[in-house]
Protein backbone atom coordinates (compact mmCIF):
# COMPACT_ATOMS: atom_id res chain seq x y z
CA MET A 1 -25.37 -16.63 -10.80
CA LYS A 2 -22.43 -14.46 -9.73
CA GLN A 3 -21.46 -14.37 -6.07
CA SER A 4 -21.73 -10.94 -4.40
CA ILE A 5 -18.64 -9.95 -2.39
CA LEU A 6 -18.18 -6.94 -0.13
CA GLN A 7 -14.75 -5.57 0.74
CA VAL A 8 -14.72 -3.33 3.83
CA VAL A 9 -12.02 -0.71 4.50
CA GLN A 10 -11.71 2.12 6.99
CA HIS A 11 -11.43 4.76 4.27
CA LEU A 12 -10.61 5.10 0.59
CA ARG A 13 -7.65 7.44 0.53
CA PRO A 14 -4.42 6.71 -1.36
CA GLY A 15 -2.50 4.00 0.47
CA GLY A 16 -1.30 0.42 0.25
CA ILE A 17 -4.35 -1.25 1.84
CA GLU A 18 -6.74 0.81 -0.22
CA THR A 19 -4.83 0.17 -3.46
CA MET A 20 -4.85 -3.56 -2.77
CA ALA A 21 -8.61 -3.51 -2.10
CA LEU A 22 -9.16 -1.55 -5.30
CA GLU A 23 -7.04 -3.95 -7.37
CA LEU A 24 -8.80 -6.98 -5.92
CA THR A 25 -12.14 -5.41 -6.76
CA ARG A 26 -11.05 -4.73 -10.33
CA GLN A 27 -9.70 -8.24 -10.86
CA LEU A 28 -12.40 -10.18 -9.00
CA SER A 29 -15.15 -8.31 -10.86
CA ARG A 30 -14.41 -10.57 -13.83
CA TYR A 31 -15.93 -13.43 -11.87
CA HIS A 32 -18.15 -11.91 -9.15
CA ASN A 33 -20.21 -8.87 -8.20
CA VAL A 34 -17.72 -6.99 -6.03
CA HIS A 35 -18.37 -3.88 -3.94
CA ILE A 36 -16.22 -1.83 -1.56
CA VAL A 37 -17.63 -0.07 1.47
CA SER A 38 -15.66 2.69 3.17
CA LEU A 39 -16.65 3.22 6.79
CA GLU A 40 -15.48 6.82 6.73
CA ASP A 41 -15.95 9.81 4.41
CA SER A 42 -18.36 10.47 1.56
CA TYR A 43 -18.00 9.59 -2.11
CA GLN A 44 -17.09 13.16 -3.03
CA GLN A 45 -14.47 13.44 -0.28
CA ALA A 46 -12.86 10.21 -1.44
CA LEU A 47 -13.01 11.17 -5.10
CA ASP A 48 -11.42 14.57 -4.41
CA ALA A 49 -8.51 12.84 -2.66
CA TRP A 50 -8.23 9.97 -5.17
CA PRO A 51 -9.74 10.61 -8.63
CA ARG A 52 -8.84 7.07 -9.69
CA LEU A 53 -11.90 5.88 -7.74
CA ALA A 54 -14.17 7.21 -10.49
CA SER A 55 -13.37 4.13 -12.60
CA VAL A 56 -15.24 1.90 -10.10
CA GLY A 57 -17.64 4.50 -8.75
CA ALA A 58 -20.75 2.34 -9.08
CA GLN A 59 -19.13 -0.31 -6.87
CA LEU A 60 -18.28 2.08 -4.02
CA HIS A 61 -20.35 2.75 -0.91
CA PHE A 62 -19.61 5.24 1.87
CA LEU A 63 -21.02 5.24 5.41
CA ASN A 64 -19.53 8.60 6.51
CA LYS A 65 -18.73 7.30 9.99
CA LYS A 66 -17.44 9.85 12.49
CA PRO A 67 -14.71 9.11 15.08
CA GLY A 68 -15.71 6.67 17.79
CA VAL A 69 -18.00 3.66 17.88
CA SER A 70 -21.14 4.19 15.79
CA ILE A 71 -24.21 1.97 16.13
CA PRO A 72 -25.96 3.67 13.17
CA THR A 73 -22.96 2.76 11.00
CA LEU A 74 -23.43 -0.87 11.96
CA TRP A 75 -27.13 -0.83 11.01
CA HIS A 76 -26.40 0.97 7.74
CA LEU A 77 -23.84 -1.71 6.91
CA CYS A 78 -26.35 -4.46 7.71
CA ALA A 79 -28.89 -2.82 5.40
CA LEU A 80 -26.29 -2.53 2.63
CA ILE A 81 -25.34 -6.21 2.97
CA LYS A 82 -28.99 -7.23 2.65
CA ARG A 83 -29.67 -4.90 -0.29
CA LEU A 84 -26.62 -6.11 -2.24
CA LYS A 85 -27.31 -9.75 -1.30
CA ILE A 86 -23.75 -10.21 -0.08
CA SER A 87 -22.59 -13.79 0.42
CA ALA A 88 -18.92 -13.14 1.30
CA ILE A 89 -17.15 -10.37 3.21
CA HIS A 90 -13.49 -9.38 3.01
CA SER A 91 -12.38 -6.91 5.70
CA HIS A 92 -9.08 -5.07 6.00
CA HIS A 93 -7.76 -3.88 9.40
CA THR A 94 -9.37 -3.74 12.87
CA GLY A 95 -12.19 -1.22 12.41
CA PRO A 96 -13.59 -3.00 9.35
CA LEU A 97 -13.25 -6.33 11.17
CA LEU A 98 -15.42 -4.97 14.00
CA TYR A 99 -18.21 -3.54 11.84
CA ALA A 100 -18.15 -6.08 9.01
CA GLY A 101 -17.79 -8.99 11.40
CA ILE A 102 -20.80 -8.06 13.52
CA ALA A 103 -22.87 -7.05 10.49
CA GLY A 104 -21.98 -10.32 8.80
CA LYS A 105 -23.15 -12.29 11.81
CA VAL A 106 -26.40 -10.32 12.07
CA THR A 107 -27.17 -10.85 8.36
CA ALA A 108 -25.93 -14.48 8.30
CA VAL A 109 -23.20 -13.98 5.69
CA GLY A 110 -21.53 -17.35 5.28
CA THR A 111 -17.94 -16.37 4.41
CA HIS A 112 -15.73 -13.78 6.09
CA ILE A 113 -12.07 -13.26 5.18
CA HIS A 114 -10.01 -10.80 7.17
CA THR A 115 -6.60 -9.57 5.98
CA GLU A 116 -3.98 -7.96 8.19
CA HIS A 117 -1.51 -5.85 6.21
CA ASP A 118 0.74 -4.94 9.15
CA VAL A 119 0.91 -5.56 12.90
CA TRP A 120 2.33 -2.46 14.53
CA HIS A 121 -1.15 -1.36 15.65
CA LEU A 122 -1.15 -4.56 17.72
CA LEU A 123 1.80 -3.36 19.80
CA LYS A 124 -0.79 -1.70 22.05
CA GLN A 125 -2.32 -4.14 24.50
CA LYS A 126 -5.85 -2.70 24.19
CA ASN A 127 -5.74 -3.25 20.42
CA ARG A 128 -4.61 -6.85 20.89
CA ARG A 129 -7.43 -7.48 23.36
CA LEU A 130 -10.02 -6.10 20.95
CA HIS A 131 -8.57 -8.10 18.08
CA ARG A 132 -8.53 -11.30 20.10
CA LEU A 133 -12.15 -10.76 21.11
CA LEU A 134 -13.22 -10.12 17.52
CA LEU A 135 -11.35 -13.12 16.13
CA GLY A 136 -13.04 -15.34 18.71
CA LEU A 137 -16.49 -13.88 18.12
CA ILE A 138 -16.41 -13.68 14.32
CA SER A 139 -14.07 -16.58 13.44
CA PRO A 140 -13.00 -15.20 10.05
CA THR A 141 -10.47 -16.84 7.77
CA LEU A 142 -7.43 -14.86 8.87
CA VAL A 143 -4.95 -13.84 6.17
CA ALA A 144 -1.56 -12.12 6.48
CA ASP A 145 -0.04 -10.30 3.52
CA CYS A 146 3.45 -11.71 4.19
CA ASN A 147 5.24 -14.26 6.35
CA GLN A 148 6.45 -11.63 8.83
CA VAL A 149 2.92 -10.42 9.54
CA ALA A 150 1.78 -14.05 9.87
CA SER A 151 4.55 -14.77 12.37
CA GLN A 152 3.48 -11.85 14.57
CA LEU A 153 -0.19 -12.82 14.34
CA ASN A 154 0.70 -16.36 15.38
CA HIS A 155 2.60 -14.91 18.34
CA TYR A 156 -0.28 -12.70 19.49
CA PHE A 157 -3.11 -15.13 18.65
CA PRO A 158 -1.61 -18.65 18.84
CA THR A 159 -4.99 -20.42 18.70
CA THR A 160 -6.01 -18.77 15.40
CA ALA A 161 -4.85 -20.26 12.09
CA VAL A 162 -3.24 -17.77 9.71
CA GLN A 163 -2.89 -18.11 5.95
CA VAL A 164 -0.37 -16.10 3.93
CA ILE A 165 -1.37 -14.43 0.68
CA ASN A 166 1.31 -12.06 -0.54
CA ASN A 167 0.25 -8.72 -1.97
CA GLY A 168 0.85 -8.42 -5.69
CA VAL A 169 0.80 -5.79 -8.42
CA ASP A 170 -0.51 -5.82 -11.97
CA MET A 171 2.57 -6.72 -13.99
CA GLN A 172 0.78 -5.96 -17.25
CA HIS A 173 0.29 -2.38 -16.09
CA PHE A 174 3.58 -1.67 -14.32
CA THR A 175 6.13 -1.98 -17.11
CA PRO A 176 9.48 -0.30 -17.87
CA ALA A 177 9.81 2.75 -20.09
CA SER A 178 12.40 3.04 -22.85
CA PRO A 179 15.09 5.76 -22.45
CA GLU A 180 13.19 7.91 -24.94
CA GLN A 181 9.89 7.41 -23.13
CA LYS A 182 11.57 8.23 -19.82
CA GLN A 183 12.61 11.66 -21.09
CA VAL A 184 9.09 12.38 -22.37
CA ILE A 185 7.62 11.37 -19.01
CA ARG A 186 10.06 13.57 -17.10
CA ARG A 187 9.14 16.59 -19.21
CA ARG A 188 5.45 15.86 -18.66
CA LEU A 189 5.95 15.70 -14.88
CA GLY A 190 8.12 18.81 -14.81
CA LEU A 191 11.22 16.88 -13.73
CA PRO A 192 14.80 17.52 -14.91
CA ALA A 193 15.84 15.44 -17.90
CA ALA A 194 19.56 14.78 -17.44
CA THR A 195 19.51 14.11 -13.70
CA PHE A 196 19.74 11.01 -11.50
CA LEU A 197 16.24 10.86 -10.00
CA ILE A 198 15.67 9.26 -6.60
CA GLY A 199 12.01 8.74 -5.75
CA CYS A 200 9.69 7.65 -2.97
CA ALA A 201 5.94 7.00 -3.13
CA ALA A 202 4.44 7.06 0.35
CA ARG A 203 2.21 9.05 2.67
CA LEU A 204 4.04 12.07 4.10
CA GLU A 205 3.75 10.80 7.66
CA GLN A 206 6.22 10.07 10.45
CA VAL A 207 6.23 6.31 9.93
CA LYS A 208 7.62 6.67 6.39
CA ASN A 209 10.67 8.61 7.68
CA HIS A 210 10.98 11.08 4.79
CA SER A 211 12.95 13.31 7.15
CA MET A 212 15.92 10.93 7.14
CA LEU A 213 15.68 10.49 3.39
CA ILE A 214 15.82 14.27 2.89
CA ASP A 215 18.71 14.65 5.35
CA VAL A 216 20.72 12.00 3.53
CA PHE A 217 19.82 13.33 0.09
CA SER A 218 21.16 16.77 1.07
CA LYS A 219 24.61 15.15 1.41
CA ILE A 220 24.55 13.39 -1.96
CA PRO A 221 26.84 15.19 -4.41
CA GLY A 222 26.40 15.57 -8.14
CA ASN A 223 23.48 16.04 -10.48
CA THR A 224 20.67 14.43 -8.49
CA ALA A 225 17.08 15.21 -7.54
CA LEU A 226 14.59 13.74 -5.06
CA VAL A 227 10.97 13.19 -6.15
CA LEU A 228 8.28 12.54 -3.54
CA ALA A 229 4.87 11.21 -4.57
CA GLY A 230 2.16 11.27 -1.93
CA ASP A 231 0.72 13.69 0.57
CA GLY A 232 0.17 13.92 4.30
CA SER A 233 0.35 15.97 7.46
CA LEU A 234 4.14 16.50 7.22
CA ARG A 235 4.17 18.10 3.78
CA GLN A 236 4.73 21.68 4.94
CA SER A 237 7.36 20.77 7.54
CA LEU A 238 9.24 18.62 5.02
CA MET A 239 9.19 21.44 2.48
CA ALA A 240 10.50 23.80 5.17
CA LYS A 241 13.25 21.30 5.97
CA CYS A 242 14.32 21.21 2.31
CA LYS A 243 14.47 25.01 2.24
CA LYS A 244 16.55 25.09 5.42
CA LEU A 245 18.98 22.54 3.96
CA GLY A 246 19.29 24.57 0.77
CA ILE A 247 17.90 21.83 -1.49
CA ARG A 248 14.37 23.09 -2.13
CA ASP A 249 15.07 23.40 -5.86
CA LYS A 250 16.24 19.76 -5.98
CA VAL A 251 13.27 18.17 -4.18
CA TYR A 252 9.97 17.77 -6.05
CA PHE A 253 6.72 17.27 -4.11
CA LEU A 254 4.23 15.79 -6.58
CA GLY A 255 1.38 15.19 -4.12
CA ASN A 256 -1.10 12.35 -4.61
CA LEU A 257 -0.98 11.03 -8.16
CA ASN A 258 -4.02 9.58 -9.84
CA GLU A 259 -1.68 7.46 -11.99
CA VAL A 260 1.64 6.43 -10.42
CA LEU A 261 3.07 4.49 -13.37
CA PRO A 262 4.76 7.52 -15.02
CA PHE A 263 6.28 8.45 -11.66
CA TYR A 264 8.06 5.10 -11.37
CA GLN A 265 9.08 5.10 -15.02
CA ALA A 266 10.75 8.51 -14.58
CA LEU A 267 13.04 7.32 -11.77
CA ASP A 268 16.55 5.91 -11.60
CA LEU A 269 16.26 4.69 -7.99
CA PHE A 270 13.41 4.06 -5.56
CA CYS A 271 13.83 4.51 -1.79
CA LEU A 272 11.41 3.60 0.99
CA VAL A 273 12.97 4.00 4.43
CA SER A 274 9.94 3.43 6.71
CA HIS A 275 10.11 2.68 10.42
CA ASN A 276 7.34 0.07 9.99
CA GLU A 277 5.71 -1.75 7.09
CA GLY A 278 3.68 -4.85 6.32
CA LEU A 279 4.31 -5.78 2.71
CA PRO A 280 4.39 -2.46 0.80
CA LEU A 281 3.24 -2.29 -2.80
CA SER A 282 5.27 0.71 -3.97
CA PRO A 283 8.68 -1.08 -4.05
CA ILE A 284 7.13 -3.91 -6.06
CA GLU A 285 5.59 -1.46 -8.50
CA ALA A 286 8.92 0.36 -8.90
CA GLN A 287 10.87 -2.85 -9.48
CA ALA A 288 8.25 -4.07 -11.97
CA CYS A 289 9.14 -0.90 -13.89
CA ALA A 290 12.82 -1.99 -13.77
CA ILE A 291 13.78 0.57 -11.09
CA PRO A 292 16.18 -0.72 -8.39
CA ALA A 293 15.16 -0.13 -4.78
CA ILE A 294 16.61 0.66 -1.37
CA LEU A 295 14.38 -0.47 1.52
CA THR A 296 14.60 -0.65 5.29
CA ASP A 297 14.53 -4.15 6.73
CA VAL A 298 11.06 -3.94 8.28
CA GLY A 299 7.97 -6.09 7.83
CA GLY A 300 8.15 -8.15 4.67
CA CYS A 301 10.53 -5.84 2.80
CA HIS A 302 13.36 -8.37 2.68
CA ASN A 303 11.07 -10.72 0.72
CA ILE A 304 10.28 -8.19 -2.00
CA ILE A 305 13.65 -6.60 -2.74
CA CYS A 306 15.64 -7.93 -5.68
CA PRO A 307 18.85 -9.44 -4.24
CA THR A 308 20.96 -8.56 -7.28
CA THR A 309 19.86 -4.96 -7.87
CA GLY A 310 18.49 -3.71 -4.53
CA THR A 311 19.82 -2.86 -1.09
CA LEU A 312 18.32 -3.53 2.33
CA ILE A 313 19.36 -1.24 5.19
CA GLU A 314 18.73 -1.03 8.92
CA PRO A 315 15.76 1.18 9.83
CA GLY A 316 16.88 4.64 10.93
CA ASN A 317 20.48 4.11 9.75
CA ALA A 318 21.32 7.27 7.78
CA ARG A 319 24.91 6.23 7.09
CA MET A 320 23.81 2.96 5.50
CA LEU A 321 21.28 4.84 3.39
CA GLU A 322 23.87 7.33 2.16
CA LYS A 323 26.29 4.54 1.27
CA ALA A 324 23.55 2.58 -0.54
CA ILE A 325 22.48 5.60 -2.62
CA LEU A 326 26.06 6.42 -3.61
CA GLN A 327 26.65 2.80 -4.64
CA GLN A 328 23.52 2.83 -6.78
CA ILE A 329 24.55 6.09 -8.48
CA GLN A 330 28.00 4.71 -9.26
CA SER A 331 26.99 1.18 -10.23
CA HIS A 332 25.55 1.74 -13.75
CA GLN A 333 24.22 -1.83 -13.54
CA ASP A 334 22.53 -3.47 -16.50
CA ASN A 335 20.48 -5.97 -14.48
CA SER A 336 16.76 -5.33 -14.06
CA PRO A 337 14.71 -6.16 -10.94
CA ARG A 338 11.61 -6.81 -13.07
CA PRO A 339 12.08 -10.60 -13.40
CA PHE A 340 12.36 -10.82 -9.61
CA ALA A 341 9.18 -8.75 -9.13
CA LEU A 342 7.34 -10.98 -11.60
CA ALA A 343 8.41 -14.07 -9.68
CA VAL A 344 7.44 -12.92 -6.18
CA ALA A 345 4.51 -10.51 -6.47
CA ASP A 346 2.27 -11.06 -9.49
CA LEU A 347 -1.24 -9.78 -8.74
CA GLN A 348 -2.84 -12.69 -10.58
CA GLU A 349 -1.42 -15.10 -8.00
CA THR A 350 -2.88 -12.93 -5.23
CA VAL A 351 -6.27 -12.88 -6.94
CA ASN A 352 -6.30 -16.64 -7.48
CA SER A 353 -5.49 -17.26 -3.81
CA TYR A 354 -8.32 -15.04 -2.60
CA ARG A 355 -10.75 -16.58 -5.10
CA SER A 356 -10.05 -19.99 -3.63
CA LEU A 357 -11.11 -18.68 -0.21
CA LEU A 358 -14.15 -16.75 -1.41
CA THR A 359 -15.78 -19.50 -3.46
């Protein structure tokens, strides 16, 4: 009889945590009955924001929790766990740890894994106190998605053991495009054909620092364009910034993409210049498609950037970013970062590691 596993996330909107939960569900469903519960939103709200969810719609559950602590949400989660006969819980982030942890105790679920994908929310003392309380009360198997996150968790919670399971991507899905395919993809996406394309896939929020990327791009000479995949609260202000800098016709805002593979395959260079990260998936996906990357040295980024094709820069250092982009444009290198991505971040390794904890 298949084991029934419940993954619990705060919401199901496009993002790294949510993508990882979705990929784990897809892969683990070969062996188990796997469901995802989103504390917030409804199915239709999630589907409107992320049409890709339709492929696993029957495995999704939404509790439509409003802001603040919700006792009804806890009881609804308990009822769902009983109805689905859940024997193992996998929570992601603090809110899901709170609700899934208590619900798991109430319903006597035997296995609880909790993954932390970043630690900057723990910079606030009240968040650390809550997390410490929950870890002591629930006693989950605590997992970090990279060594840097594990190191910080060990610092904040020295009495709690932490295991490291690196995030991975599906290397059979994220593959390079031929030069001919690249041109077809660019036409399909409405992007210029004979242009050096610099891209970033990330939420349009302050932490991702698109503002610096746009500032630096405005100084890059030659036949170049900047392509931004993702959406967020800063979209309008970033578009206004591009117009003010006189580069609006060279910056493409694609919004949330249901399928990101063609986006990566269309690029010549990937840039993610965040202020904070855990272990982001987008640079791995880009490099799996043979696209070199420039990343800021935050979180686990230095572990996932190809040392022969990529560049690591200081966070917030615009001059380093400009120099790195110019070097990439001028390099015309033949090396591909794909073998490196295969070696360090294959999703199958991630799945196998979680399976060993769940069974």
